[in-house]
Amino acid sequence: VNLRHFDFFSYHKSSDMTPLDIGQLRSLQTLPFFNIGEEAGRQIRQLRYLKNLSGSLEIRNLELVRSKEEAESANLIGKPNIDELRLLWNELDNLRDNDNEYNQVLDGLQPHQNLKGLIIERFFGDRLSTWIEKLEKLVKFELRNCKNCKELPTLGRMPFLIYLHLEGLD
């Protein structure tokens, strides 16, 4: 339970290499990615108690998160040492009729204000969260294949933004 660094790499986005009940490793500082799963011990709430995470974090399979409250259970806003956050939805999950469900989940994934890099991939909601334009320390912002997104956040409120990448926005 005192493990601080769990550093591994997997090309496979659906890989279940993340150990079950990783939330018990409360001293964890390094976790390159977290694959959300349906089984107990793999839900997004496992991230809640990992307040010492730092560096980059990629959260995959966000289509399995169904509500704002469930997304908030990860407590990303309480992780001030995460520099870069990558939020990934499964590209096969664009069949839901309710854009609002996607929007609410993204609203619940609000990170700490210290975030310097934000990458959002395959988000199928129609609007981005208002918390994005409040990330005043953001240096890097990427949107990839967010097909239903109708508008961008106000980029003028990001005075340190150096890198902007927009791809696959219909």
Protein backbone atom coordinates (compact mmCIF):
# COMPACT_ATOMS: atom_id res chain seq x y z
CA VAL A 1 0.00 0.00 0.00
CA ASN A 2 3.03 2.32 0.24
CA LEU A 3 3.83 2.04 -3.47
CA ARG A 4 4.61 5.48 -4.91
CA HIS A 5 5.31 4.86 -8.58
CA PHE A 6 3.38 2.49 -10.81
CA ASP A 7 4.87 3.25 -14.21
CA PHE A 8 3.93 1.01 -17.11
CA PHE A 9 3.05 1.43 -20.76
CA SER A 10 0.49 -0.21 -23.00
CA TYR A 11 -0.37 0.54 -26.62
CA HIS A 12 -3.72 -1.13 -26.06
CA LYS A 13 -6.24 1.44 -24.90
CA SER A 14 -8.44 -1.27 -23.40
CA SER A 15 -5.64 -2.99 -21.49
CA ASP A 16 -6.57 -4.00 -17.95
CA MET A 17 -3.03 -3.62 -16.63
CA THR A 18 -4.16 -1.24 -13.91
CA PRO A 19 -4.50 -3.31 -10.74
CA LEU A 20 -7.90 -3.81 -9.14
CA ASP A 21 -8.65 -1.45 -6.25
CA ILE A 22 -5.77 0.89 -7.09
CA GLY A 23 -7.47 3.43 -4.82
CA GLN A 24 -5.92 1.59 -1.87
CA LEU A 25 -2.45 2.77 -2.94
CA ARG A 26 -2.90 6.16 -1.28
CA SER A 27 0.78 7.13 -1.53
CA LEU A 28 0.78 6.67 -5.32
CA GLN A 29 2.41 9.54 -7.21
CA THR A 30 2.89 8.05 -10.70
CA LEU A 31 0.08 6.42 -12.67
CA PRO A 32 0.39 6.86 -16.45
CA PHE A 33 -3.14 5.75 -17.25
CA PHE A 34 -6.27 4.42 -15.66
CA ASN A 35 -8.70 2.22 -17.59
CA ILE A 36 -12.20 2.50 -16.23
CA GLY A 37 -13.98 -0.84 -16.11
CA GLU A 38 -17.43 -2.06 -15.18
CA GLU A 39 -16.30 -4.53 -12.54
CA ALA A 40 -15.85 -3.59 -8.90
CA GLY A 41 -12.39 -2.15 -8.27
CA ARG A 42 -12.09 -0.54 -11.72
CA GLN A 43 -14.61 2.30 -11.51
CA ILE A 44 -13.53 5.92 -11.74
CA ARG A 45 -14.05 6.43 -8.01
CA GLN A 46 -10.82 4.43 -7.46
CA LEU A 47 -8.99 7.68 -8.27
CA ARG A 48 -10.67 9.52 -5.37
CA TYR A 49 -8.02 8.88 -2.72
CA LEU A 50 -4.96 9.18 -4.98
CA LYS A 51 -4.39 12.82 -4.03
CA ASN A 52 -0.60 12.59 -4.50
CA LEU A 53 -0.73 11.82 -8.22
CA SER A 54 1.61 14.01 -10.23
CA GLY A 55 2.78 14.44 -13.81
CA SER A 56 0.53 13.06 -16.54
CA LEU A 57 -2.65 11.05 -16.14
CA GLU A 58 -4.70 9.48 -18.92
CA ILE A 59 -8.22 8.31 -18.08
CA ARG A 60 -9.62 5.86 -20.62
CA ASN A 61 -13.07 4.38 -21.27
CA LEU A 62 -14.97 7.41 -19.99
CA GLU A 63 -18.08 6.14 -21.79
CA LEU A 64 -18.55 3.87 -18.76
CA VAL A 65 -19.10 6.91 -16.50
CA ARG A 66 -22.83 7.68 -16.51
CA SER A 67 -23.32 10.79 -14.34
CA LYS A 68 -21.72 13.99 -13.13
CA GLU A 69 -21.67 12.62 -9.58
CA GLU A 70 -19.82 9.51 -10.68
CA ALA A 71 -17.27 11.65 -12.54
CA GLU A 72 -16.84 13.93 -9.52
CA SER A 73 -16.05 10.87 -7.40
CA ALA A 74 -12.57 10.82 -9.04
CA ASN A 75 -11.86 14.12 -7.24
CA LEU A 76 -9.64 15.47 -10.04
CA ILE A 77 -10.02 18.97 -8.62
CA GLY A 78 -8.23 17.74 -5.48
CA LYS A 79 -5.09 16.68 -7.36
CA PRO A 80 -2.95 19.83 -7.70
CA ASN A 81 0.19 18.03 -8.91
CA ILE A 82 -1.26 16.63 -12.13
CA ASP A 83 0.32 18.66 -14.93
CA GLU A 84 -1.35 17.03 -17.92
CA LEU A 85 -4.72 15.31 -18.13
CA ARG A 86 -5.92 13.24 -21.08
CA LEU A 87 -9.62 12.33 -21.15
CA LEU A 88 -10.57 9.56 -23.61
CA TRP A 89 -13.94 8.19 -24.63
CA ASN A 90 -14.31 5.05 -26.73
CA GLU A 91 -14.99 6.01 -30.34
CA LEU A 92 -17.61 3.28 -30.64
CA ASP A 93 -19.71 4.99 -27.99
CA ASN A 94 -21.34 7.65 -30.16
CA LEU A 95 -24.71 5.93 -30.24
CA ARG A 96 -26.25 7.53 -27.16
CA ASP A 97 -29.06 9.95 -27.93
CA ASN A 98 -28.45 12.16 -24.95
CA ASP A 99 -25.66 14.74 -25.42
CA ASN A 100 -26.48 16.02 -21.95
CA GLU A 101 -25.14 12.82 -20.37
CA TYR A 102 -21.73 13.41 -21.98
CA ASN A 103 -21.81 17.09 -21.02
CA GLN A 104 -22.57 16.26 -17.39
CA VAL A 105 -19.75 13.71 -17.18
CA LEU A 106 -17.25 16.23 -18.56
CA ASP A 107 -18.53 18.82 -16.07
CA GLY A 108 -17.76 16.37 -13.25
CA LEU A 109 -14.18 15.80 -14.43
CA GLN A 110 -13.03 19.30 -13.47
CA PRO A 111 -9.29 19.25 -12.69
CA HIS A 112 -7.29 21.45 -10.34
CA GLN A 113 -6.48 24.99 -11.53
CA ASN A 114 -2.75 24.11 -11.74
CA LEU A 115 -3.29 21.98 -14.86
CA LYS A 116 -0.92 22.87 -17.72
CA GLY A 117 -2.06 20.41 -20.40
CA LEU A 118 -5.53 19.17 -21.32
CA ILE A 119 -6.30 16.68 -24.10
CA ILE A 120 -9.87 15.59 -24.79
CA GLU A 121 -10.47 12.79 -27.31
CA ARG A 122 -13.70 11.41 -28.78
CA PHE A 123 -16.01 13.42 -26.52
CA PHE A 124 -19.50 13.18 -28.04
CA GLY A 125 -21.22 15.94 -26.08
CA ASP A 126 -22.32 19.11 -27.83
CA ARG A 127 -20.61 21.57 -25.48
CA LEU A 128 -17.41 21.73 -23.50
CA SER A 129 -17.44 22.52 -19.80
CA THR A 130 -17.11 26.08 -18.57
CA TRP A 131 -14.28 25.00 -16.25
CA ILE A 132 -11.97 24.71 -19.28
CA GLU A 133 -11.76 28.45 -19.84
CA LYS A 134 -10.95 28.91 -16.14
CA LEU A 135 -7.70 26.93 -16.47
CA GLU A 136 -5.53 30.04 -16.58
CA LYS A 137 -2.21 28.14 -16.36
CA LEU A 138 -3.00 26.01 -19.41
CA VAL A 139 -0.10 25.84 -21.86
CA LYS A 140 -1.37 22.99 -24.05
CA PHE A 141 -4.95 22.31 -25.17
CA GLU A 142 -6.00 19.61 -27.63
CA LEU A 143 -9.40 18.53 -28.90
CA ARG A 144 -9.45 15.43 -31.08
CA ASN A 145 -12.48 13.89 -32.78
CA CYS A 146 -15.07 15.70 -30.69
CA LYS A 147 -17.58 15.42 -33.53
CA ASN A 148 -20.66 16.96 -31.87
CA CYS A 149 -18.94 19.90 -30.18
CA LYS A 150 -20.58 23.15 -31.33
CA GLU A 151 -18.25 25.76 -29.82
CA LEU A 152 -14.86 26.22 -28.23
CA PRO A 153 -14.10 27.76 -24.85
CA THR A 154 -12.92 31.35 -24.78
CA LEU A 155 -9.23 30.91 -25.50
CA GLY A 156 -8.43 34.53 -24.67
CA ARG A 157 -8.76 33.66 -20.99
CA MET A 158 -5.76 31.34 -21.27
CA PRO A 159 -2.82 33.78 -21.26
CA PHE A 160 -0.12 31.05 -21.20
CA LEU A 161 -1.56 28.93 -24.01
CA ILE A 162 1.25 28.05 -26.45
CA TYR A 163 0.02 24.85 -28.09
CA LEU A 164 -3.48 24.48 -29.54
CA HIS A 165 -4.44 21.43 -31.58
CA LEU A 166 -7.94 20.98 -33.03
CA GLU A 167 -8.69 17.90 -35.11
CA GLY A 168 -11.84 16.12 -36.22
CA LEU A 169 -14.33 18.77 -35.15
CA ASP A 170 -17.26 18.50 -37.55
